[in-house]
Amino acid sequence: VIGQILFAGPFAWYRCARAITRARDDSFAGKVRLLALLLVGAKLACLARRRGWRHVHVHSCGDSANAALFAHLLLGTRYSLTLHSPLPFFGPNQTQKWRHADFVFCVARALYQEAAEILGADFPAAVEIVPMGVDIKGFVRSSEYVAWDGRDVCRIFTCGRLNPGKGFADLIHAIATLKRAGIPVLLRIAGGDDSGSVQHRCDLERLVADLAL
């Protein structure tokens, strides 16, 4: 990896150093973190060149996007991004991640509009709204769907990683609103913390208790 960085040459070193120093929305510790991600980016650039990858798509705007950014600055590795949760959840340095990407996909119009507001004049032109679809042939009901008739308990089920970007807290607040309106509702959430801990689960359980649900 170090050899790959040295091979890139002085101009590439300057571009990477400038990218780190210009990460204006990051702290000193964050800039040190970017320096570590430079090594990851060098590894990615090395793999891309060795395996003949012409383009790398990053299904995130987090640290993996920073790695792709450095791969681009070092050896010109082309990359693109997908935004599938609110932009603030993916950390700082968004301006540079987006500026150097060939294009960005947003999975919802609301995310597109939020990113445009946050990035302002730095919002690139090559951004498309591409909803994430479902293979309807792979998900077939065993019985016909019957809508809630308003008489029994309204049962709501959701499944996904327990991550703040998934919006479970918003859903719990919505359940509280329904309860206050006198609507009998039962929410079941299936999913585990994706960080290896139970922190977000504890946060959600605390929210449930605070809302007396």
C-alpha atoms as a PDB file:
ATOM      1  CA  VAL A   1       0.000   0.000   0.000  1.00  0.00           C
ATOM      2  CA  ILE A   2       2.790   2.429   0.910  1.00  0.00           C
ATOM      3  CA  GLY A   3       4.482   1.554  -2.365  1.00  0.00           C
ATOM      4  CA  GLN A   4       1.290   2.368  -4.233  1.00  0.00           C
ATOM      5  CA  ILE A   5       1.159   5.786  -2.574  1.00  0.00           C
ATOM      6  CA  LEU A   6       4.814   6.449  -3.457  1.00  0.00           C
ATOM      7  CA  PHE A   7       4.207   5.291  -7.030  1.00  0.00           C
ATOM      8  CA  ALA A   8       1.364   7.811  -7.419  1.00  0.00           C
ATOM      9  CA  GLY A   9       3.858  10.672  -7.394  1.00  0.00           C
ATOM     10  CA  PRO A  10       4.144  14.153  -5.814  1.00  0.00           C
ATOM     11  CA  PHE A  11       1.099  15.660  -7.526  1.00  0.00           C
ATOM     12  CA  ALA A  12      -1.152  12.876  -6.185  1.00  0.00           C
ATOM     13  CA  TRP A  13       0.361  13.315  -2.722  1.00  0.00           C
ATOM     14  CA  TYR A  14      -0.440  17.026  -2.918  1.00  0.00           C
ATOM     15  CA  ARG A  15      -4.049  16.341  -3.979  1.00  0.00           C
ATOM     16  CA  CYS A  16      -4.565  13.935  -1.072  1.00  0.00           C
ATOM     17  CA  ALA A  17      -2.972  16.306   1.444  1.00  0.00           C
ATOM     18  CA  ARG A  18      -5.124  19.166   0.158  1.00  0.00           C
ATOM     19  CA  ALA A  19      -8.258  16.998   0.425  1.00  0.00           C
ATOM     20  CA  ILE A  20      -7.458  16.209   4.058  1.00  0.00           C
ATOM     21  CA  THR A  21      -6.722  19.816   5.016  1.00  0.00           C
ATOM     22  CA  ARG A  22      -9.806  21.088   3.152  1.00  0.00           C
ATOM     23  CA  ALA A  23     -12.202  18.757   4.977  1.00  0.00           C
ATOM     24  CA  ARG A  24     -13.615  21.863   6.626  1.00  0.00           C
ATOM     25  CA  ASP A  25     -16.408  20.093   8.497  1.00  0.00           C
ATOM     26  CA  ASP A  26     -14.059  17.698  10.266  1.00  0.00           C
ATOM     27  CA  SER A  27     -12.087  17.953  13.516  1.00  0.00           C
ATOM     28  CA  PHE A  28      -8.351  17.357  13.939  1.00  0.00           C
ATOM     29  CA  ALA A  29      -9.080  13.788  15.005  1.00  0.00           C
ATOM     30  CA  GLY A  30     -11.255  13.443  11.925  1.00  0.00           C
ATOM     31  CA  LYS A  31      -8.386  14.575   9.705  1.00  0.00           C
ATOM     32  CA  VAL A  32      -6.155  11.942  11.294  1.00  0.00           C
ATOM     33  CA  ARG A  33      -8.874   9.433  10.485  1.00  0.00           C
ATOM     34  CA  LEU A  34      -8.837  10.613   6.874  1.00  0.00           C
ATOM     35  CA  LEU A  35      -5.090  10.043   6.811  1.00  0.00           C
ATOM     36  CA  ALA A  36      -5.729   6.423   7.828  1.00  0.00           C
ATOM     37  CA  LEU A  37      -8.396   6.118   5.126  1.00  0.00           C
ATOM     38  CA  LEU A  38      -5.790   7.285   2.624  1.00  0.00           C
ATOM     39  CA  LEU A  39      -4.117   3.902   3.151  1.00  0.00           C
ATOM     40  CA  VAL A  40      -7.426   2.150   2.494  1.00  0.00           C
ATOM     41  CA  GLY A  41      -7.857   4.210  -0.649  1.00  0.00           C
ATOM     42  CA  ALA A  42      -4.383   3.214  -1.822  1.00  0.00           C
ATOM     43  CA  LYS A  43      -5.307  -0.440  -1.333  1.00  0.00           C
ATOM     44  CA  LEU A  44      -8.516   0.070  -3.322  1.00  0.00           C
ATOM     45  CA  ALA A  45      -6.626   1.832  -6.122  1.00  0.00           C
ATOM     46  CA  CYS A  46      -4.119  -1.022  -6.198  1.00  0.00           C
ATOM     47  CA  LEU A  47      -6.887  -3.636  -6.473  1.00  0.00           C
ATOM     48  CA  ALA A  48      -8.695  -1.647  -9.151  1.00  0.00           C
ATOM     49  CA  ARG A  49      -5.574  -1.370 -11.283  1.00  0.00           C
ATOM     50  CA  ARG A  50      -4.545  -5.016 -10.772  1.00  0.00           C
ATOM     51  CA  ARG A  51      -7.991  -6.396 -11.610  1.00  0.00           C
ATOM     52  CA  GLY A  52      -8.826  -4.005 -14.404  1.00  0.00           C
ATOM     53  CA  TRP A  53     -11.789  -2.327 -12.710  1.00  0.00           C
ATOM     54  CA  ARG A  54     -12.809   0.705 -14.731  1.00  0.00           C
ATOM     55  CA  HIS A  55     -15.291   1.956 -12.166  1.00  0.00           C
ATOM     56  CA  VAL A  56     -16.089   1.326  -8.487  1.00  0.00           C
ATOM     57  CA  HIS A  57     -19.588   1.912  -7.155  1.00  0.00           C
ATOM     58  CA  VAL A  58     -19.779   2.684  -3.434  1.00  0.00           C
ATOM     59  CA  HIS A  59     -23.165   1.893  -1.907  1.00  0.00           C
ATOM     60  CA  SER A  60     -22.601   4.449   0.842  1.00  0.00           C
ATOM     61  CA  CYS A  61     -21.536   8.031   1.522  1.00  0.00           C
ATOM     62  CA  GLY A  62     -19.556   7.112   4.660  1.00  0.00           C
ATOM     63  CA  ASP A  63     -15.929   6.083   5.154  1.00  0.00           C
ATOM     64  CA  SER A  64     -15.985   3.782   2.130  1.00  0.00           C
ATOM     65  CA  ALA A  65     -16.690   6.889   0.037  1.00  0.00           C
ATOM     66  CA  ASN A  66     -13.621   8.557   1.544  1.00  0.00           C
ATOM     67  CA  ALA A  67     -11.568   5.504   0.532  1.00  0.00           C
ATOM     68  CA  ALA A  68     -12.900   5.775  -3.023  1.00  0.00           C
ATOM     69  CA  LEU A  69     -12.109   9.502  -3.002  1.00  0.00           C
ATOM     70  CA  PHE A  70      -8.464   8.835  -2.128  1.00  0.00           C
ATOM     71  CA  ALA A  71      -8.233   6.036  -4.701  1.00  0.00           C
ATOM     72  CA  HIS A  72      -9.382   8.590  -7.259  1.00  0.00           C
ATOM     73  CA  LEU A  73      -6.942  11.258  -6.116  1.00  0.00           C
ATOM     74  CA  LEU A  74      -4.038   8.790  -6.107  1.00  0.00           C
ATOM     75  CA  LEU A  75      -4.497   6.830  -9.328  1.00  0.00           C
ATOM     76  CA  GLY A  76      -7.612   8.252 -10.961  1.00  0.00           C
ATOM     77  CA  THR A  77      -9.914   5.396  -9.955  1.00  0.00           C
ATOM     78  CA  ARG A  78     -13.418   6.410 -11.079  1.00  0.00           C
ATOM     79  CA  TYR A  79     -16.234   5.958  -8.601  1.00  0.00           C
ATOM     80  CA  SER A  80     -19.881   6.693  -7.864  1.00  0.00           C
ATOM     81  CA  LEU A  81     -22.022   6.761  -4.712  1.00  0.00           C
ATOM     82  CA  THR A  82     -25.454   5.822  -3.434  1.00  0.00           C
ATOM     83  CA  LEU A  83     -27.218   7.872  -0.775  1.00  0.00           C
ATOM     84  CA  HIS A  84     -29.757   5.646   0.975  1.00  0.00           C
ATOM     85  CA  SER A  85     -30.181   7.434   4.316  1.00  0.00           C
ATOM     86  CA  PRO A  86     -30.138  11.078   5.464  1.00  0.00           C
ATOM     87  CA  LEU A  87     -26.783  12.627   4.565  1.00  0.00           C
ATOM     88  CA  PRO A  88     -25.755  13.666   8.136  1.00  0.00           C
ATOM     89  CA  PHE A  89     -25.603   9.987   9.171  1.00  0.00           C
ATOM     90  CA  PHE A  90     -22.617   9.462   6.864  1.00  0.00           C
ATOM     91  CA  GLY A  91     -20.267  11.874   8.571  1.00  0.00           C
ATOM     92  CA  PRO A  92     -18.219  14.842   7.353  1.00  0.00           C
ATOM     93  CA  ASN A  93     -16.310  15.594   4.143  1.00  0.00           C
ATOM     94  CA  GLN A  94     -19.396  15.118   1.985  1.00  0.00           C
ATOM     95  CA  THR A  95     -18.517  17.991  -0.354  1.00  0.00           C
ATOM     96  CA  GLN A  96     -15.335  16.341  -1.619  1.00  0.00           C
ATOM     97  CA  LYS A  97     -16.855  12.852  -1.772  1.00  0.00           C
ATOM     98  CA  TRP A  98     -19.635  14.118  -4.027  1.00  0.00           C
ATOM     99  CA  ARG A  99     -17.507  16.539  -6.073  1.00  0.00           C
ATOM    100  CA  HIS A 100     -15.136  13.855  -7.349  1.00  0.00           C
ATOM    101  CA  ALA A 101     -17.769  11.153  -7.947  1.00  0.00           C
ATOM    102  CA  ASP A 102     -18.828  10.479 -11.545  1.00  0.00           C
ATOM    103  CA  PHE A 103     -22.445  10.375 -10.375  1.00  0.00           C
ATOM    104  CA  VAL A 104     -24.588   9.826  -7.280  1.00  0.00           C
ATOM    105  CA  PHE A 105     -27.802   7.850  -6.841  1.00  0.00           C
ATOM    106  CA  CYS A 106     -30.371   8.936  -4.226  1.00  0.00           C
ATOM    107  CA  VAL A 107     -32.943   6.279  -3.380  1.00  0.00           C
ATOM    108  CA  ALA A 108     -35.685   8.815  -2.558  1.00  0.00           C
ATOM    109  CA  ARG A 109     -36.681  12.313  -3.620  1.00  0.00           C
ATOM    110  CA  ALA A 110     -36.593  13.505   0.007  1.00  0.00           C
ATOM    111  CA  LEU A 111     -32.944  12.427   0.315  1.00  0.00           C
ATOM    112  CA  TYR A 112     -32.135  14.202  -2.965  1.00  0.00           C
ATOM    113  CA  GLN A 113     -33.722  17.426  -1.747  1.00  0.00           C
ATOM    114  CA  GLU A 114     -32.048  17.230   1.674  1.00  0.00           C
ATOM    115  CA  ALA A 115     -28.614  16.647   0.136  1.00  0.00           C
ATOM    116  CA  ALA A 116     -29.161  19.557  -2.266  1.00  0.00           C
ATOM    117  CA  GLU A 117     -29.969  21.852   0.667  1.00  0.00           C
ATOM    118  CA  ILE A 118     -26.960  20.692   2.718  1.00  0.00           C
ATOM    119  CA  LEU A 119     -24.395  20.836  -0.109  1.00  0.00           C
ATOM    120  CA  GLY A 120     -25.763  24.004  -1.693  1.00  0.00           C
ATOM    121  CA  ALA A 121     -23.568  25.218  -4.543  1.00  0.00           C
ATOM    122  CA  ASP A 122     -21.432  22.072  -4.165  1.00  0.00           C
ATOM    123  CA  PHE A 123     -24.353  19.794  -5.107  1.00  0.00           C
ATOM    124  CA  PRO A 124     -23.208  18.147  -8.368  1.00  0.00           C
ATOM    125  CA  ALA A 125     -25.253  17.989 -11.544  1.00  0.00           C
ATOM    126  CA  ALA A 126     -24.915  14.224 -12.002  1.00  0.00           C
ATOM    127  CA  VAL A 127     -27.337  13.127  -9.266  1.00  0.00           C
ATOM    128  CA  GLU A 128     -30.284  10.871 -10.052  1.00  0.00           C
ATOM    129  CA  ILE A 129     -33.220   9.590  -8.011  1.00  0.00           C
ATOM    130  CA  VAL A 130     -33.228   5.784  -8.273  1.00  0.00           C
ATOM    131  CA  PRO A 131     -35.669   4.091  -5.868  1.00  0.00           C
ATOM    132  CA  MET A 132     -34.565   0.720  -4.525  1.00  0.00           C
ATOM    133  CA  GLY A 133     -36.930  -1.864  -5.977  1.00  0.00           C
ATOM    134  CA  VAL A 134     -38.081  -5.289  -4.859  1.00  0.00           C
ATOM    135  CA  ASP A 135     -38.088  -8.433  -6.971  1.00  0.00           C
ATOM    136  CA  ILE A 136     -41.815  -9.137  -6.828  1.00  0.00           C
ATOM    137  CA  LYS A 137     -41.274 -12.636  -8.215  1.00  0.00           C
ATOM    138  CA  GLY A 138     -39.183 -13.493  -5.179  1.00  0.00           C
ATOM    139  CA  PHE A 139     -41.691 -12.224  -2.617  1.00  0.00           C
ATOM    140  CA  VAL A 140     -45.071 -13.848  -3.097  1.00  0.00           C
ATOM    141  CA  ARG A 141     -47.822 -13.834  -0.453  1.00  0.00           C
ATOM    142  CA  SER A 142     -49.295 -17.172   0.619  1.00  0.00           C
ATOM    143  CA  SER A 143     -52.655 -15.460   1.098  1.00  0.00           C
ATOM    144  CA  GLU A 144     -54.350 -12.427  -0.389  1.00  0.00           C
ATOM    145  CA  TYR A 145     -53.592  -9.095   1.279  1.00  0.00           C
ATOM    146  CA  VAL A 146     -56.468  -7.755   3.352  1.00  0.00           C
ATOM    147  CA  ALA A 147     -56.298  -4.111   4.435  1.00  0.00           C
ATOM    148  CA  TRP A 148     -56.930  -3.166   8.060  1.00  0.00           C
ATOM    149  CA  ASP A 149     -60.664  -2.690   8.541  1.00  0.00           C
ATOM    150  CA  GLY A 150     -60.365  -0.237  11.438  1.00  0.00           C
ATOM    151  CA  ARG A 151     -62.082  -2.548  13.938  1.00  0.00           C
ATOM    152  CA  ASP A 152     -59.318  -4.738  15.371  1.00  0.00           C
ATOM    153  CA  VAL A 153     -55.754  -3.857  16.308  1.00  0.00           C
ATOM    154  CA  CYS A 154     -53.765  -2.319  13.457  1.00  0.00           C
ATOM    155  CA  ARG A 155     -50.646  -4.503  13.224  1.00  0.00           C
ATOM    156  CA  ILE A 156     -47.512  -2.928  11.744  1.00  0.00           C
ATOM    157  CA  PHE A 157     -44.325  -4.889  11.078  1.00  0.00           C
ATOM    158  CA  THR A 158     -40.921  -3.608   9.978  1.00  0.00           C
ATOM    159  CA  CYS A 159     -37.615  -5.384   9.470  1.00  0.00           C
ATOM    160  CA  GLY A 160     -34.173  -3.847   9.161  1.00  0.00           C
ATOM    161  CA  ARG A 161     -30.848  -3.154  10.812  1.00  0.00           C
ATOM    162  CA  LEU A 162     -31.183  -1.083  13.981  1.00  0.00           C
ATOM    163  CA  ASN A 163     -29.440   1.974  12.628  1.00  0.00           C
ATOM    164  CA  PRO A 164     -30.449   5.637  13.189  1.00  0.00           C
ATOM    165  CA  GLY A 165     -30.605   6.128   9.433  1.00  0.00           C
ATOM    166  CA  LYS A 166     -33.437   3.596   9.153  1.00  0.00           C
ATOM    167  CA  GLY A 167     -35.884   5.946  10.871  1.00  0.00           C
ATOM    168  CA  PHE A 168     -37.193   3.592  13.568  1.00  0.00           C
ATOM    169  CA  ALA A 169     -37.395   6.496  16.018  1.00  0.00           C
ATOM    170  CA  ASP A 170     -39.669   8.378  13.594  1.00  0.00           C
ATOM    171  CA  LEU A 171     -41.850   5.290  13.290  1.00  0.00           C
ATOM    172  CA  ILE A 172     -42.140   4.993  17.079  1.00  0.00           C
ATOM    173  CA  HIS A 173     -43.162   8.658  17.300  1.00  0.00           C
ATOM    174  CA  ALA A 174     -45.805   7.952  14.624  1.00  0.00           C
ATOM    175  CA  ILE A 175     -47.140   5.071  16.726  1.00  0.00           C
ATOM    176  CA  ALA A 176     -47.418   7.456  19.679  1.00  0.00           C
ATOM    177  CA  THR A 177     -49.425   9.849  17.503  1.00  0.00           C
ATOM    178  CA  LEU A 178     -51.800   7.039  16.522  1.00  0.00           C
ATOM    179  CA  LYS A 179     -52.180   6.001  20.150  1.00  0.00           C
ATOM    180  CA  ARG A 180     -53.067   9.560  21.163  1.00  0.00           C
ATOM    181  CA  ALA A 181     -55.694   9.561  18.424  1.00  0.00           C
ATOM    182  CA  GLY A 182     -57.260   6.478  20.022  1.00  0.00           C
ATOM    183  CA  ILE A 183     -56.230   4.060  17.275  1.00  0.00           C
ATOM    184  CA  PRO A 184     -55.340   0.571  18.583  1.00  0.00           C
ATOM    185  CA  VAL A 185     -51.978  -0.263  17.024  1.00  0.00           C
ATOM    186  CA  LEU A 186     -49.224  -2.817  17.575  1.00  0.00           C
ATOM    187  CA  LEU A 187     -45.747  -2.329  16.129  1.00  0.00           C
ATOM    188  CA  ARG A 188     -43.213  -5.141  15.835  1.00  0.00           C
ATOM    189  CA  ILE A 189     -39.613  -4.379  14.878  1.00  0.00           C
ATOM    190  CA  ALA A 190     -37.283  -7.159  13.717  1.00  0.00           C
ATOM    191  CA  GLY A 191     -33.574  -6.425  13.421  1.00  0.00           C
ATOM    192  CA  GLY A 192     -30.305  -6.216  15.314  1.00  0.00           C
ATOM    193  CA  ASP A 193     -27.788  -3.441  15.883  1.00  0.00           C
ATOM    194  CA  ASP A 194     -25.368  -3.301  12.961  1.00  0.00           C
ATOM    195  CA  SER A 195     -22.554  -1.926  15.122  1.00  0.00           C
ATOM    196  CA  GLY A 196     -22.029  -5.125  17.093  1.00  0.00           C
ATOM    197  CA  SER A 197     -23.481  -3.518  20.221  1.00  0.00           C
ATOM    198  CA  VAL A 198     -27.015  -2.939  21.459  1.00  0.00           C
ATOM    199  CA  GLN A 199     -26.712   0.839  21.771  1.00  0.00           C
ATOM    200  CA  HIS A 200     -29.373   1.838  19.259  1.00  0.00           C
ATOM    201  CA  ARG A 201     -31.728  -0.847  20.547  1.00  0.00           C
ATOM    202  CA  CYS A 202     -31.324   0.672  24.036  1.00  0.00           C
ATOM    203  CA  ASP A 203     -31.992   4.140  22.599  1.00  0.00           C
ATOM    204  CA  LEU A 204     -35.200   2.916  20.964  1.00  0.00           C
ATOM    205  CA  GLU A 205     -36.332   1.105  24.108  1.00  0.00           C
ATOM    206  CA  ARG A 206     -35.727   4.310  26.090  1.00  0.00           C
ATOM    207  CA  LEU A 207     -37.837   6.227  23.541  1.00  0.00           C
ATOM    208  CA  VAL A 208     -40.640   3.688  23.888  1.00  0.00           C
ATOM    209  CA  ALA A 209     -40.560   4.136  27.663  1.00  0.00           C
ATOM    210  CA  ASP A 210     -40.460   7.949  27.422  1.00  0.00           C
ATOM    211  CA  LEU A 211     -43.531   7.908  25.160  1.00  0.00           C
ATOM    212  CA  ALA A 212     -45.321   5.462  27.502  1.00  0.00           C
ATOM    213  CA  LEU A 213     -45.827   2.913  24.719  1.00  0.00           C
END
